[in-house]
Protein backbone atom coordinates (compact mmCIF):
# COMPACT_ATOMS: atom_id res chain seq x y z
CA UNK A 1 -6.86 -10.15 31.37
CA UNK A 2 -7.33 -7.80 28.43
CA UNK A 3 -8.48 -4.13 27.78
CA UNK A 4 -12.05 -3.83 26.50
CA UNK A 5 -12.52 0.20 27.21
CA UNK A 6 -10.31 2.91 28.19
CA UNK A 7 -11.39 6.35 28.39
CA UNK A 8 -10.43 9.96 27.12
CA UNK A 9 -11.65 13.09 28.87
CA UNK A 10 -13.50 15.46 26.57
CA UNK A 11 -14.65 18.74 26.75
CA UNK A 12 -17.28 18.56 24.89
CA UNK A 13 -18.96 15.49 23.74
CA UNK A 14 -20.40 16.35 20.38
CA UNK A 15 -17.23 18.23 19.51
CA UNK A 16 -15.16 15.15 20.30
CA UNK A 17 -17.41 12.83 18.53
CA UNK A 18 -17.08 14.70 15.37
CA UNK A 19 -13.57 15.40 15.73
CA UNK A 20 -12.64 11.40 16.28
CA UNK A 21 -15.06 10.48 13.28
CA UNK A 22 -15.14 12.85 10.93
CA UNK A 23 -11.29 13.91 10.99
CA UNK A 24 -9.62 10.66 12.49
CA UNK A 25 -11.93 8.14 10.94
CA UNK A 26 -13.07 6.11 14.07
CA UNK A 27 -16.38 4.56 14.12
CA UNK A 28 -19.33 5.18 16.55
CA UNK A 29 -19.98 2.07 18.36
CA UNK A 30 -22.32 3.23 21.17
CA UNK A 31 -23.93 6.83 22.03
CA UNK A 32 -26.26 5.99 24.89
CA UNK A 33 -27.71 8.76 27.32
CA UNK A 34 -26.67 8.62 30.77
CA UNK A 35 -28.23 11.66 32.85
CA UNK A 36 -26.36 14.80 30.95
CA UNK A 37 -23.79 12.96 29.35
CA UNK A 38 -23.74 10.32 26.85
CA UNK A 39 -21.83 6.69 26.77
CA UNK A 40 -19.73 7.12 23.32
CA UNK A 41 -18.03 4.63 22.89
CA UNK A 42 -15.50 4.02 19.39
CA UNK A 43 -13.90 1.74 17.96
CA UNK A 44 -11.16 1.59 14.91
CA UNK A 45 -13.11 0.42 11.63
CA UNK A 46 -9.98 -2.30 11.62
CA UNK A 47 -11.30 -3.60 14.69
CA UNK A 48 -14.80 -3.19 15.04
CA UNK A 49 -14.58 -5.94 18.42
CA UNK A 50 -11.57 -4.61 19.61
CA UNK A 51 -10.98 -1.88 22.60
CA UNK A 52 -13.55 0.60 22.58
CA UNK A 53 -12.06 4.43 23.30
CA UNK A 54 -14.86 6.25 25.56
CA UNK A 55 -15.10 9.52 24.71
CA UNK A 56 -15.45 10.72 28.60
CA UNK A 57 -17.24 14.50 29.95
CA UNK A 58 -14.49 16.34 32.10
CA UNK A 59 -17.31 17.41 34.08
CA UNK A 60 -15.46 16.37 37.26
CA UNK A 61 -12.96 18.94 38.76
CA UNK A 62 -10.37 16.05 39.39
CA UNK A 63 -10.69 15.05 35.92
CA UNK A 64 -10.79 18.60 34.69
CA UNK A 65 -7.41 19.50 36.55
CA UNK A 66 -5.61 15.84 35.23
CA UNK A 67 -6.58 17.52 31.92
CA UNK A 68 -5.64 20.34 32.18
CA UNK A 69 -2.08 19.36 34.09
CA UNK A 70 -0.89 16.86 31.30
CA UNK A 71 -1.92 19.75 27.99
CA UNK A 72 0.09 22.39 30.12
CA UNK A 73 3.01 19.83 30.26
CA UNK A 74 3.24 18.66 26.93
CA UNK A 75 1.97 14.79 27.33
CA UNK A 76 -0.21 12.92 25.10
CA UNK A 77 -3.56 11.53 26.48
CA UNK A 78 -3.25 8.45 24.68
CA UNK A 79 -1.11 7.09 21.76
CA UNK A 80 -2.93 5.56 18.53
CA UNK A 81 -0.73 3.24 15.62
CA UNK A 82 -0.51 3.62 12.18
CA UNK A 83 0.91 2.22 9.75
CA UNK A 84 2.39 4.91 7.56
CA UNK A 85 2.90 7.96 10.20
CA UNK A 86 3.62 10.26 7.10
CA UNK A 87 1.04 9.25 5.22
CA UNK A 88 -1.65 10.17 8.37
CA UNK A 89 0.48 13.16 9.34
CA UNK A 90 -0.27 14.74 5.68
CA UNK A 91 -3.86 13.06 5.87
CA UNK A 92 -3.88 15.02 9.11
CA UNK A 93 -2.18 18.34 8.25
CA UNK A 94 -4.48 19.08 5.13
CA UNK A 95 -8.12 18.68 7.41
CA UNK A 96 -6.50 21.68 9.53
CA UNK A 97 -5.41 19.41 12.74
CA UNK A 98 -2.54 21.21 14.79
CA UNK A 99 1.15 19.18 15.31
CA UNK A 100 2.78 20.20 18.54
CA UNK A 101 5.34 17.63 17.25
CA UNK A 102 5.85 16.53 13.28
CA UNK A 103 6.75 12.86 13.12
CA UNK A 104 10.13 12.20 14.80
CA UNK A 105 12.25 9.18 14.88
CA UNK A 106 12.33 7.98 18.10
CA UNK A 107 14.83 4.33 18.94
CA UNK A 108 12.09 2.00 17.83
CA UNK A 109 9.24 4.05 16.60
CA UNK A 110 8.40 7.12 14.91
CA UNK A 111 6.41 9.54 16.76
CA UNK A 112 4.05 12.85 16.07
CA UNK A 113 1.87 14.51 18.18
CA UNK A 114 -1.31 16.93 17.47
CA UNK A 115 -3.89 18.90 19.43
CA UNK A 116 -7.05 16.70 19.45
CA UNK A 117 -9.42 20.57 19.77
CA UNK A 118 -10.97 18.47 22.91
CA UNK A 119 -8.46 19.41 25.44
CA UNK A 120 -6.17 16.36 24.46
CA UNK A 121 -2.34 16.45 23.04
CA UNK A 122 -2.87 12.78 21.35
CA UNK A 123 0.31 10.82 19.56
CA UNK A 124 0.28 8.54 16.76
CA UNK A 125 3.40 5.68 16.59
CA UNK A 126 4.26 3.87 13.83
CA UNK A 127 6.72 1.08 14.86
CA UNK A 128 9.66 0.58 13.19
């Protein structure tokens, strides 16, 4: 068994698509109309056949409540791995991304947390 798709609730699919592709550098793999929303799946350019990130609308009351509660608590919705967290932190800062936690060394990893502008905190991590 392996993970093929993971979802991330977003407030606005178009805004999320722009942020995740133009700012973070993911590539669009699918953009399929599904009624009033779309199936938007992104992949890492380093692994185009790997796990897909689904930008799922938070249109359902349960998804909105979940998203609001974890952001209120400062909990990241997901984590992305990076090879050089300090370089990525600087690159994202230069693009105007707002961080709630700057690169911080933990036990076996260095992490940072930023606001994706779509209703989520996202954690980036570099293993030691």
